[in-house]
Amino acid sequence: LAAGDGVVVYAGAVAARTLVSLEHRGGLRTTYEPIAPAVSAG
């Protein structure tokens, strides 16, 4: 689950894992890995 409201900035493979990265208010970015994304960038 998303830790807070935000926008998906990346959802896909990095090296040998897949991850999702979210941009939140105040310049915070959270990352979650290894997950099969259910969302897409933007």
PDB file of all heavy atoms in Angstrom:
ATOM      1  N   LEU A   1       0.819  -1.202   0.000  1.00  0.00           N
ATOM      2  CA  LEU A   1       0.000   0.000   0.000  1.00  0.00           C
ATOM      3  C   LEU A   1       0.859   1.260   0.000  1.00  0.00           C
ATOM      4  O   LEU A   1       1.930   1.282   0.612  1.00  0.00           O
ATOM      5  CB  LEU A   1      -0.898   0.017   1.237  1.00  0.00           C
ATOM      6  CG  LEU A   1      -1.679  -1.265   1.541  1.00  0.00           C
ATOM      7  CD1 LEU A   1      -2.496  -1.099   2.817  1.00  0.00           C
ATOM      8  CD2 LEU A   1      -2.568  -1.647   0.376  1.00  0.00           C
ATOM      9  N   ALA A   2       0.373   2.309  -0.644  1.00  0.00           N
ATOM     10  CA  ALA A   2       1.056   3.601  -0.644  1.00  0.00           C
ATOM     11  C   ALA A   2       1.069   4.167   0.770  1.00  0.00           C
ATOM     12  O   ALA A   2       0.052   4.168   1.454  1.00  0.00           O
ATOM     13  CB  ALA A   2       0.354   4.561  -1.596  1.00  0.00           C
ATOM     14  N   ALA A   3       2.222   4.667   1.197  1.00  0.00           N
ATOM     15  CA  ALA A   3       2.353   5.235   2.538  1.00  0.00           C
ATOM     16  C   ALA A   3       1.638   6.578   2.659  1.00  0.00           C
ATOM     17  O   ALA A   3       1.309   7.002   3.753  1.00  0.00           O
ATOM     18  CB  ALA A   3       3.821   5.411   2.895  1.00  0.00           C
ATOM     19  N   GLY A   4       1.395   7.238   1.546  1.00  0.00           N
ATOM     20  CA  GLY A   4       0.723   8.535   1.568  1.00  0.00           C
ATOM     21  C   GLY A   4       0.289   8.918   0.169  1.00  0.00           C
ATOM     22  O   GLY A   4       0.651   8.261  -0.816  1.00  0.00           O
ATOM     23  N   ASP A   5      -0.496   9.979   0.075  1.00  0.00           N
ATOM     24  CA  ASP A   5      -0.906  10.491  -1.230  1.00  0.00           C
ATOM     25  C   ASP A   5       0.335  10.897  -2.015  1.00  0.00           C
ATOM     26  O   ASP A   5       1.298  11.424  -1.448  1.00  0.00           O
ATOM     27  CB  ASP A   5      -1.796  11.724  -1.070  1.00  0.00           C
ATOM     28  CG  ASP A   5      -3.113  11.429  -0.358  1.00  0.00           C
ATOM     29  OD1 ASP A   5      -3.432  10.248  -0.162  1.00  0.00           O
ATOM     30  OD2 ASP A   5      -3.805  12.395  -0.020  1.00  0.00           O
ATOM     31  N   GLY A   6       0.315  10.652  -3.326  1.00  0.00           N
ATOM     32  CA  GLY A   6       1.455  11.028  -4.147  1.00  0.00           C
ATOM     33  C   GLY A   6       1.226  10.696  -5.602  1.00  0.00           C
ATOM     34  O   GLY A   6       0.103  10.403  -6.030  1.00  0.00           O
ATOM     35  N   VAL A   7       2.316  10.732  -6.350  1.00  0.00           N
ATOM     36  CA  VAL A   7       2.301  10.421  -7.771  1.00  0.00           C
ATOM     37  C   VAL A   7       3.380   9.372  -8.027  1.00  0.00           C
ATOM     38  O   VAL A   7       4.491   9.477  -7.503  1.00  0.00           O
ATOM     39  CB  VAL A   7       2.580  11.681  -8.619  1.00  0.00           C
ATOM     40  CG1 VAL A   7       2.681  11.348 -10.093  1.00  0.00           C
ATOM     41  CG2 VAL A   7       1.510  12.727  -8.384  1.00  0.00           C
ATOM     42  N   VAL A   8       3.056   8.383  -8.836  1.00  0.00           N
ATOM     43  CA  VAL A   8       4.022   7.344  -9.192  1.00  0.00           C
ATOM     44  C   VAL A   8       5.068   7.975 -10.124  1.00  0.00           C
ATOM     45  O   VAL A   8       4.722   8.494 -11.181  1.00  0.00           O
ATOM     46  CB  VAL A   8       3.336   6.155  -9.899  1.00  0.00           C
ATOM     47  CG1 VAL A   8       4.363   5.104 -10.286  1.00  0.00           C
ATOM     48  CG2 VAL A   8       2.246   5.565  -9.015  1.00  0.00           C
ATOM     49  N   VAL A   9       6.334   7.941  -9.704  1.00  0.00           N
ATOM     50  CA  VAL A   9       7.394   8.466 -10.563  1.00  0.00           C
ATOM     51  C   VAL A   9       8.116   7.353 -11.306  1.00  0.00           C
ATOM     52  O   VAL A   9       8.729   7.590 -12.335  1.00  0.00           O
ATOM     53  CB  VAL A   9       8.403   9.353  -9.804  1.00  0.00           C
ATOM     54  CG1 VAL A   9       7.749  10.648  -9.368  1.00  0.00           C
ATOM     55  CG2 VAL A   9       9.020   8.646  -8.625  1.00  0.00           C
ATOM     56  N   TYR A  10       8.038   6.131 -10.765  1.00  0.00           N
ATOM     57  CA  TYR A  10       8.650   4.987 -11.454  1.00  0.00           C
ATOM     58  C   TYR A  10       7.951   3.717 -11.013  1.00  0.00           C
ATOM     59  O   TYR A  10       7.644   3.549  -9.830  1.00  0.00           O
ATOM     60  CB  TYR A  10      10.145   4.892 -11.152  1.00  0.00           C
ATOM     61  CG  TYR A  10      10.818   3.828 -11.983  1.00  0.00           C
ATOM     62  CD1 TYR A  10      11.198   4.079 -13.287  1.00  0.00           C
ATOM     63  CD2 TYR A  10      11.020   2.552 -11.473  1.00  0.00           C
ATOM     64  CE1 TYR A  10      11.780   3.100 -14.073  1.00  0.00           C
ATOM     65  CE2 TYR A  10      11.596   1.565 -12.245  1.00  0.00           C
ATOM     66  CZ  TYR A  10      11.971   1.841 -13.546  1.00  0.00           C
ATOM     67  OH  TYR A  10      12.539   0.858 -14.324  1.00  0.00           O
ATOM     68  N   ALA A  11       7.709   2.828 -11.955  1.00  0.00           N
ATOM     69  CA  ALA A  11       7.161   1.506 -11.659  1.00  0.00           C
ATOM     70  C   ALA A  11       7.725   0.555 -12.699  1.00  0.00           C
ATOM     71  O   ALA A  11       7.357   0.616 -13.869  1.00  0.00           O
ATOM     72  CB  ALA A  11       5.642   1.527 -11.712  1.00  0.00           C
ATOM     73  N   GLY A  12       8.660  -0.287 -12.288  1.00  0.00           N
ATOM     74  CA  GLY A  12       9.261  -1.214 -13.235  1.00  0.00           C
ATOM     75  C   GLY A  12      10.531  -1.829 -12.692  1.00  0.00           C
ATOM     76  O   GLY A  12      10.800  -1.797 -11.492  1.00  0.00           O
ATOM     77  N   ALA A  13      11.328  -2.363 -13.613  1.00  0.00           N
ATOM     78  CA  ALA A  13      12.543  -3.095 -13.250  1.00  0.00           C
ATOM     79  C   ALA A  13      13.733  -2.167 -13.078  1.00  0.00           C
ATOM     80  O   ALA A  13      13.917  -1.223 -13.836  1.00  0.00           O
ATOM     81  CB  ALA A  13      12.849  -4.145 -14.309  1.00  0.00           C
ATOM     82  N   VAL A  14      14.520  -2.480 -12.055  1.00  0.00           N
ATOM     83  CA  VAL A  14      15.828  -1.872 -11.836  1.00  0.00           C
ATOM     84  C   VAL A  14      16.744  -3.025 -11.484  1.00  0.00           C
ATOM     85  O   VAL A  14      16.522  -3.698 -10.484  1.00  0.00           O
ATOM     86  CB  VAL A  14      15.813  -0.829 -10.700  1.00  0.00           C
ATOM     87  CG1 VAL A  14      17.223  -0.353 -10.389  1.00  0.00           C
ATOM     88  CG2 VAL A  14      14.917   0.338 -11.044  1.00  0.00           C
ATOM     89  N   ALA A  15      17.733  -3.245 -12.319  1.00  0.00           N
ATOM     90  CA  ALA A  15      18.626  -4.403 -12.154  1.00  0.00           C
ATOM     91  C   ALA A  15      17.781  -5.676 -12.138  1.00  0.00           C
ATOM     92  O   ALA A  15      17.013  -5.901 -13.048  1.00  0.00           O
ATOM     93  CB  ALA A  15      19.492  -4.250 -10.920  1.00  0.00           C
ATOM     94  N   ALA A  16      17.860  -6.470 -11.064  1.00  0.00           N
ATOM     95  CA  ALA A  16      17.163  -7.759 -11.023  1.00  0.00           C
ATOM     96  C   ALA A  16      15.843  -7.701 -10.267  1.00  0.00           C
ATOM     97  O   ALA A  16      15.244  -8.729 -10.007  1.00  0.00           O
ATOM     98  CB  ALA A  16      18.076  -8.808 -10.394  1.00  0.00           C
ATOM     99  N   ARG A  17      15.377  -6.502  -9.864  1.00  0.00           N
ATOM    100  CA  ARG A  17      14.138  -6.393  -9.094  1.00  0.00           C
ATOM    101  C   ARG A  17      13.194  -5.376  -9.727  1.00  0.00           C
ATOM    102  O   ARG A  17      13.604  -4.507 -10.480  1.00  0.00           O
ATOM    103  CB  ARG A  17      14.397  -5.905  -7.682  1.00  0.00           C
ATOM    104  CG  ARG A  17      15.343  -6.663  -6.878  1.00  0.00           C
ATOM    105  CD  ARG A  17      15.294  -6.107  -5.473  1.00  0.00           C
ATOM    106  NE  ARG A  17      16.449  -5.284  -5.189  1.00  0.00           N
ATOM    107  CZ  ARG A  17      17.308  -5.530  -4.244  1.00  0.00           C
ATOM    108  NH1 ARG A  17      17.144  -6.571  -3.479  1.00  0.00           N
ATOM    109  NH2 ARG A  17      18.313  -4.757  -4.026  1.00  0.00           N
ATOM    110  N   THR A  18      11.928  -5.491  -9.335  1.00  0.00           N
ATOM    111  CA  THR A  18      10.965  -4.475  -9.741  1.00  0.00           C
ATOM    112  C   THR A  18      10.581  -3.660  -8.519  1.00  0.00           C
ATOM    113  O   THR A  18      10.559  -4.163  -7.397  1.00  0.00           O
ATOM    114  CB  THR A  18       9.709  -5.100 -10.375  1.00  0.00           C
ATOM    115  OG1 THR A  18       9.179  -6.070  -9.498  1.00  0.00           O
ATOM    116  CG2 THR A  18      10.032  -5.718 -11.720  1.00  0.00           C
ATOM    117  N   LEU A  19      10.281  -2.389  -8.749  1.00  0.00           N
ATOM    118  CA  LEU A  19       9.968  -1.496  -7.649  1.00  0.00           C
ATOM    119  C   LEU A  19       8.982  -0.430  -8.090  1.00  0.00           C
ATOM    120  O   LEU A  19       8.736  -0.242  -9.282  1.00  0.00           O
ATOM    121  CB  LEU A  19      11.230  -0.850  -7.085  1.00  0.00           C
ATOM    122  CG  LEU A  19      12.016   0.086  -8.003  1.00  0.00           C
ATOM    123  CD1 LEU A  19      11.540   1.515  -7.872  1.00  0.00           C
ATOM    124  CD2 LEU A  19      13.490   0.009  -7.649  1.00  0.00           C
ATOM    125  N   VAL A  20       8.438   0.256  -7.101  1.00  0.00           N
ATOM    126  CA  VAL A  20       7.592   1.426  -7.323  1.00  0.00           C
ATOM    127  C   VAL A  20       8.174   2.552  -6.481  1.00  0.00           C
ATOM    128  O   VAL A  20       8.577   2.346  -5.334  1.00  0.00           O
ATOM    129  CB  VAL A  20       6.122   1.148  -6.924  1.00  0.00           C
ATOM    130  CG1 VAL A  20       5.298   2.432  -6.929  1.00  0.00           C
ATOM    131  CG2 VAL A  20       5.498   0.128  -7.864  1.00  0.00           C
ATOM    132  N   SER A  21       8.223   3.742  -7.068  1.00  0.00           N
ATOM    133  CA  SER A  21       8.692   4.935  -6.375  1.00  0.00           C
ATOM    134  C   SER A  21       7.606   5.999  -6.465  1.00  0.00           C
ATOM    135  O   SER A  21       7.076   6.258  -7.548  1.00  0.00           O
ATOM    136  CB  SER A  21       9.988   5.424  -7.018  1.00  0.00           C
ATOM    137  OG  SER A  21      10.482   6.552  -6.339  1.00  0.00           O
ATOM    138  N   LEU A  22       7.263   6.587  -5.306  1.00  0.00           N
ATOM    139  CA  LEU A  22       6.214   7.604  -5.233  1.00  0.00           C
ATOM    140  C   LEU A  22       6.795   8.934  -4.777  1.00  0.00           C
ATOM    141  O   LEU A  22       7.619   8.970  -3.855  1.00  0.00           O
ATOM    142  CB  LEU A  22       5.124   7.195  -4.237  1.00  0.00           C
ATOM    143  CG  LEU A  22       4.447   5.846  -4.427  1.00  0.00           C
ATOM    144  CD1 LEU A  22       3.438   5.606  -3.306  1.00  0.00           C
ATOM    145  CD2 LEU A  22       3.772   5.779  -5.782  1.00  0.00           C
ATOM    146  N   GLU A  23       6.349  10.013  -5.407  1.00  0.00           N
ATOM    147  CA  GLU A  23       6.714  11.367  -4.987  1.00  0.00           C
ATOM    148  C   GLU A  23       5.548  11.924  -4.169  1.00  0.00           C
ATOM    149  O   GLU A  23       4.399  11.879  -4.609  1.00  0.00           O
ATOM    150  CB  GLU A  23       6.956  12.248  -6.204  1.00  0.00           C
ATOM    151  CG  GLU A  23       7.494  13.616  -5.883  1.00  0.00           C
ATOM    152  CD  GLU A  23       8.980  13.603  -5.538  1.00  0.00           C
ATOM    153  OE1 GLU A  23       9.721  12.751  -6.059  1.00  0.00           O
ATOM    154  OE2 GLU A  23       9.387  14.451  -4.735  1.00  0.00           O
ATOM    155  N   HIS A  24       5.856  12.448  -2.965  1.00  0.00           N
ATOM    156  CA  HIS A  24       4.850  12.973  -2.054  1.00  0.00           C
ATOM    157  C   HIS A  24       5.074  14.472  -1.847  1.00  0.00           C
ATOM    158  O   HIS A  24       6.134  14.995  -2.184  1.00  0.00           O
ATOM    159  CB  HIS A  24       4.921  12.257  -0.696  1.00  0.00           C
ATOM    160  CG  HIS A  24       4.837  10.782  -0.788  1.00  0.00           C
ATOM    161  ND1 HIS A  24       3.637  10.105  -0.862  1.00  0.00           N
ATOM    162  CD2 HIS A  24       5.806   9.834  -0.826  1.00  0.00           C
ATOM    163  CE1 HIS A  24       3.873   8.806  -0.931  1.00  0.00           C
ATOM    164  NE2 HIS A  24       5.180   8.613  -0.915  1.00  0.00           N
ATOM    165  N   ARG A  25       4.109  15.112  -1.238  1.00  0.00           N
ATOM    166  CA  ARG A  25       4.260  16.538  -0.913  1.00  0.00           C
ATOM    167  C   ARG A  25       5.476  16.747  -0.031  1.00  0.00           C
ATOM    168  O   ARG A  25       5.886  15.852   0.695  1.00  0.00           O
ATOM    169  CB  ARG A  25       3.029  17.033  -0.169  1.00  0.00           C
ATOM    170  CG  ARG A  25       1.854  17.222  -1.058  1.00  0.00           C
ATOM    171  CD  ARG A  25       0.646  17.751  -0.359  1.00  0.00           C
ATOM    172  NE  ARG A  25       0.960  18.491   0.862  1.00  0.00           N
ATOM    173  CZ  ARG A  25       0.077  18.964   1.692  1.00  0.00           C
ATOM    174  NH1 ARG A  25      -1.189  18.793   1.463  1.00  0.00           N
ATOM    175  NH2 ARG A  25       0.428  19.622   2.782  1.00  0.00           N
ATOM    176  N   GLY A  26       6.040  17.916  -0.131  1.00  0.00           N
ATOM    177  CA  GLY A  26       7.188  18.244   0.710  1.00  0.00           C
ATOM    178  C   GLY A  26       8.486  17.651   0.212  1.00  0.00           C
ATOM    179  O   GLY A  26       9.478  17.648   0.931  1.00  0.00           O
ATOM    180  N   GLY A  27       8.493  17.123  -1.019  1.00  0.00           N
ATOM    181  CA  GLY A  27       9.724  16.574  -1.578  1.00  0.00           C
ATOM    182  C   GLY A  27      10.098  15.193  -1.091  1.00  0.00           C
ATOM    183  O   GLY A  27      11.217  14.734  -1.322  1.00  0.00           O
ATOM    184  N   LEU A  28       9.186  14.492  -0.423  1.00  0.00           N
ATOM    185  CA  LEU A  28       9.483  13.125   0.023  1.00  0.00           C
ATOM    186  C   LEU A  28       9.269  12.145  -1.121  1.00  0.00           C
ATOM    187  O   LEU A  28       8.342  12.295  -1.917  1.00  0.00           O
ATOM    188  CB  LEU A  28       8.572  12.720   1.183  1.00  0.00           C
ATOM    189  CG  LEU A  28       8.831  13.382   2.525  1.00  0.00           C
ATOM    190  CD1 LEU A  28       7.810  12.906   3.541  1.00  0.00           C
ATOM    191  CD2 LEU A  28      10.232  13.107   3.016  1.00  0.00           C
ATOM    192  N   ARG A  29      10.119  11.144  -1.183  1.00  0.00           N
ATOM    193  CA  ARG A  29       9.966  10.065  -2.154  1.00  0.00           C
ATOM    194  C   ARG A  29      10.073   8.749  -1.404  1.00  0.00           C
ATOM    195  O   ARG A  29      11.027   8.521  -0.667  1.00  0.00           O
ATOM    196  CB  ARG A  29      11.044  10.142  -3.223  1.00  0.00           C
ATOM    197  CG  ARG A  29      10.858   9.062  -4.283  1.00  0.00           C
ATOM    198  CD  ARG A  29      11.815   9.233  -5.424  1.00  0.00           C
ATOM    199  NE  ARG A  29      11.403  10.383  -6.212  1.00  0.00           N
ATOM    200  CZ  ARG A  29      11.803  10.602  -7.449  1.00  0.00           C
ATOM    201  NH1 ARG A  29      12.621   9.779  -8.040  1.00  0.00           N
ATOM    202  NH2 ARG A  29      11.397  11.674  -8.098  1.00  0.00           N
ATOM    203  N   THR A  30       9.074   7.877  -1.583  1.00  0.00           N
ATOM    204  CA  THR A  30       9.127   6.544  -0.976  1.00  0.00           C
ATOM    205  C   THR A  30       9.350   5.506  -2.064  1.00  0.00           C
ATOM    206  O   THR A  30       8.903   5.668  -3.200  1.00  0.00           O
ATOM    207  CB  THR A  30       7.821   6.218  -0.204  1.00  0.00           C
ATOM    208  OG1 THR A  30       6.695   6.407  -1.064  1.00  0.00           O
ATOM    209  CG2 THR A  30       7.673   7.090   1.023  1.00  0.00           C
ATOM    210  N   THR A  31      10.058   4.434  -1.699  1.00  0.00           N
ATOM    211  CA  THR A  31      10.315   3.329  -2.626  1.00  0.00           C
ATOM    212  C   THR A  31       9.894   2.030  -1.966  1.00  0.00           C
ATOM    213  O   THR A  31      10.001   1.872  -0.741  1.00  0.00           O
ATOM    214  CB  THR A  31      11.798   3.248  -3.027  1.00  0.00           C
ATOM    215  OG1 THR A  31      12.598   3.151  -1.843  1.00  0.00           O
ATOM    216  CG2 THR A  31      12.222   4.465  -3.832  1.00  0.00           C
ATOM    217  N   TYR A  32       9.428   1.119  -2.797  1.00  0.00           N
ATOM    218  CA  TYR A  32       8.895  -0.170  -2.355  1.00  0.00           C
ATOM    219  C   TYR A  32       9.453  -1.232  -3.294  1.00  0.00           C
ATOM    220  O   TYR A  32       9.207  -1.182  -4.499  1.00  0.00           O
ATOM    221  CB  TYR A  32       7.362  -0.165  -2.451  1.00  0.00           C
ATOM    222  CG  TYR A  32       6.715   1.053  -1.846  1.00  0.00           C
ATOM    223  CD1 TYR A  32       6.701   2.276  -2.533  1.00  0.00           C
ATOM    224  CD2 TYR A  32       6.118   0.993  -0.603  1.00  0.00           C
ATOM    225  CE1 TYR A  32       6.103   3.400  -1.984  1.00  0.00           C
ATOM    226  CE2 TYR A  32       5.512   2.113  -0.047  1.00  0.00           C
ATOM    227  CZ  TYR A  32       5.518   3.312  -0.745  1.00  0.00           C
ATOM    228  OH  TYR A  32       4.923   4.428  -0.203  1.00  0.00           O
ATOM    229  N   GLU A  33      10.172  -2.217  -2.737  1.00  0.00           N
ATOM    230  CA  GLU A  33      10.712  -3.281  -3.583  1.00  0.00           C
ATOM    231  C   GLU A  33      10.923  -4.557  -2.779  1.00  0.00           C
ATOM    232  O   GLU A  33      11.080  -4.477  -1.564  1.00  0.00           O
ATOM    233  CB  GLU A  33      12.016  -2.848  -4.243  1.00  0.00           C
ATOM    234  CG  GLU A  33      13.140  -2.568  -3.256  1.00  0.00           C
ATOM    235  CD  GLU A  33      14.449  -2.258  -3.915  1.00  0.00           C
ATOM    236  OE1 GLU A  33      15.125  -3.213  -4.361  1.00  0.00           O
ATOM    237  OE2 GLU A  33      14.804  -1.081  -3.990  1.00  0.00           O
ATOM    238  N   PRO A  34      10.922  -5.692  -3.368  1.00  0.00           N
ATOM    239  CA  PRO A  34      10.561  -6.013  -4.749  1.00  0.00           C
ATOM    240  C   PRO A  34       9.044  -6.232  -4.846  1.00  0.00           C
ATOM    241  O   PRO A  34       8.478  -7.033  -4.102  1.00  0.00           O
ATOM    242  CB  PRO A  34      11.310  -7.310  -5.009  1.00  0.00           C
ATOM    243  CG  PRO A  34      11.331  -7.995  -3.673  1.00  0.00           C
ATOM    244  CD  PRO A  34      11.364  -6.886  -2.644  1.00  0.00           C
ATOM    245  N   ILE A  35       8.404  -5.502  -5.713  1.00  0.00           N
ATOM    246  CA  ILE A  35       6.969  -5.677  -5.896  1.00  0.00           C
ATOM    247  C   ILE A  35       6.632  -5.749  -7.376  1.00  0.00           C
ATOM    248  O   ILE A  35       7.333  -5.187  -8.210  1.00  0.00           O
ATOM    249  CB  ILE A  35       6.130  -4.582  -5.206  1.00  0.00           C
ATOM    250  CG1 ILE A  35       6.276  -3.221  -5.865  1.00  0.00           C
ATOM    251  CG2 ILE A  35       6.484  -4.474  -3.735  1.00  0.00           C
ATOM    252  CD1 ILE A  35       5.296  -2.180  -5.320  1.00  0.00           C
ATOM    253  N   ALA A  36       5.561  -6.465  -7.670  1.00  0.00           N
ATOM    254  CA  ALA A  36       4.988  -6.469  -9.020  1.00  0.00           C
ATOM    255  C   ALA A  36       4.065  -5.253  -9.065  1.00  0.00           C
ATOM    256  O   ALA A  36       3.041  -5.231  -8.373  1.00  0.00           O
ATOM    257  CB  ALA A  36       4.208  -7.751  -9.268  1.00  0.00           C
ATOM    258  N   PRO A  37       4.427  -4.209  -9.823  1.00  0.00           N
ATOM    259  CA  PRO A  37       3.632  -2.985  -9.818  1.00  0.00           C
ATOM    260  C   PRO A  37       2.200  -3.195 -10.305  1.00  0.00           C
ATOM    261  O   PRO A  37       1.949  -3.938 -11.249  1.00  0.00           O
ATOM    262  CB  PRO A  37       4.384  -2.062 -10.776  1.00  0.00           C
ATOM    263  CG  PRO A  37       5.770  -2.614 -10.855  1.00  0.00           C
ATOM    264  CD  PRO A  37       5.613  -4.096 -10.675  1.00  0.00           C
ATOM    265  N   ALA A  38       1.272  -2.492  -9.644  1.00  0.00           N
ATOM    266  CA  ALA A  38      -0.123  -2.468 -10.075  1.00  0.00           C
ATOM    267  C   ALA A  38      -0.476  -1.064 -10.558  1.00  0.00           C
ATOM    268  O   ALA A  38      -1.639  -0.769 -10.801  1.00  0.00           O
ATOM    269  CB  ALA A  38      -1.036  -2.872  -8.918  1.00  0.00           C
ATOM    270  N   VAL A  39       0.537  -0.189 -10.667  1.00  0.00           N
ATOM    271  CA  VAL A  39       0.370   1.196 -11.087  1.00  0.00           C
ATOM    272  C   VAL A  39       1.424   1.512 -12.139  1.00  0.00           C
ATOM    273  O   VAL A  39       2.371   0.748 -12.330  1.00  0.00           O
ATOM    274  CB  VAL A  39       0.510   2.163  -9.884  1.00  0.00           C
ATOM    275  CG1 VAL A  39      -0.636   1.981  -8.899  1.00  0.00           C
ATOM    276  CG2 VAL A  39       1.847   1.974  -9.182  1.00  0.00           C
ATOM    277  N   SER A  40       1.273   2.649 -12.796  1.00  0.00           N
ATOM    278  CA  SER A  40       2.263   3.068 -13.790  1.00  0.00           C
ATOM    279  C   SER A  40       2.673   4.513 -13.531  1.00  0.00           C
ATOM    280  O   SER A  40       1.968   5.266 -12.844  1.00  0.00           O
ATOM    281  CB  SER A  40       1.705   2.906 -15.207  1.00  0.00           C
ATOM    282  OG  SER A  40       0.494   3.625 -15.333  1.00  0.00           O
ATOM    283  N   ALA A  41       3.820   4.901 -14.077  1.00  0.00           N
ATOM    284  CA  ALA A  41       4.362   6.245 -13.868  1.00  0.00           C
ATOM    285  C   ALA A  41       3.358   7.311 -14.287  1.00  0.00           C
ATOM    286  O   ALA A  41       2.642   7.167 -15.272  1.00  0.00           O
ATOM    287  CB  ALA A  41       5.661   6.399 -14.641  1.00  0.00           C
ATOM    288  N   GLY A  42       3.303   8.376 -13.486  1.00  0.00           N
ATOM    289  CA  GLY A  42       2.420   9.498 -13.762  1.00  0.00           C
ATOM    290  C   GLY A  42       1.060   9.417 -13.091  1.00  0.00           C
ATOM    291  O   GLY A  42       0.317  10.381 -13.061  1.00  0.00           O
TER     292      GLY A  42
END
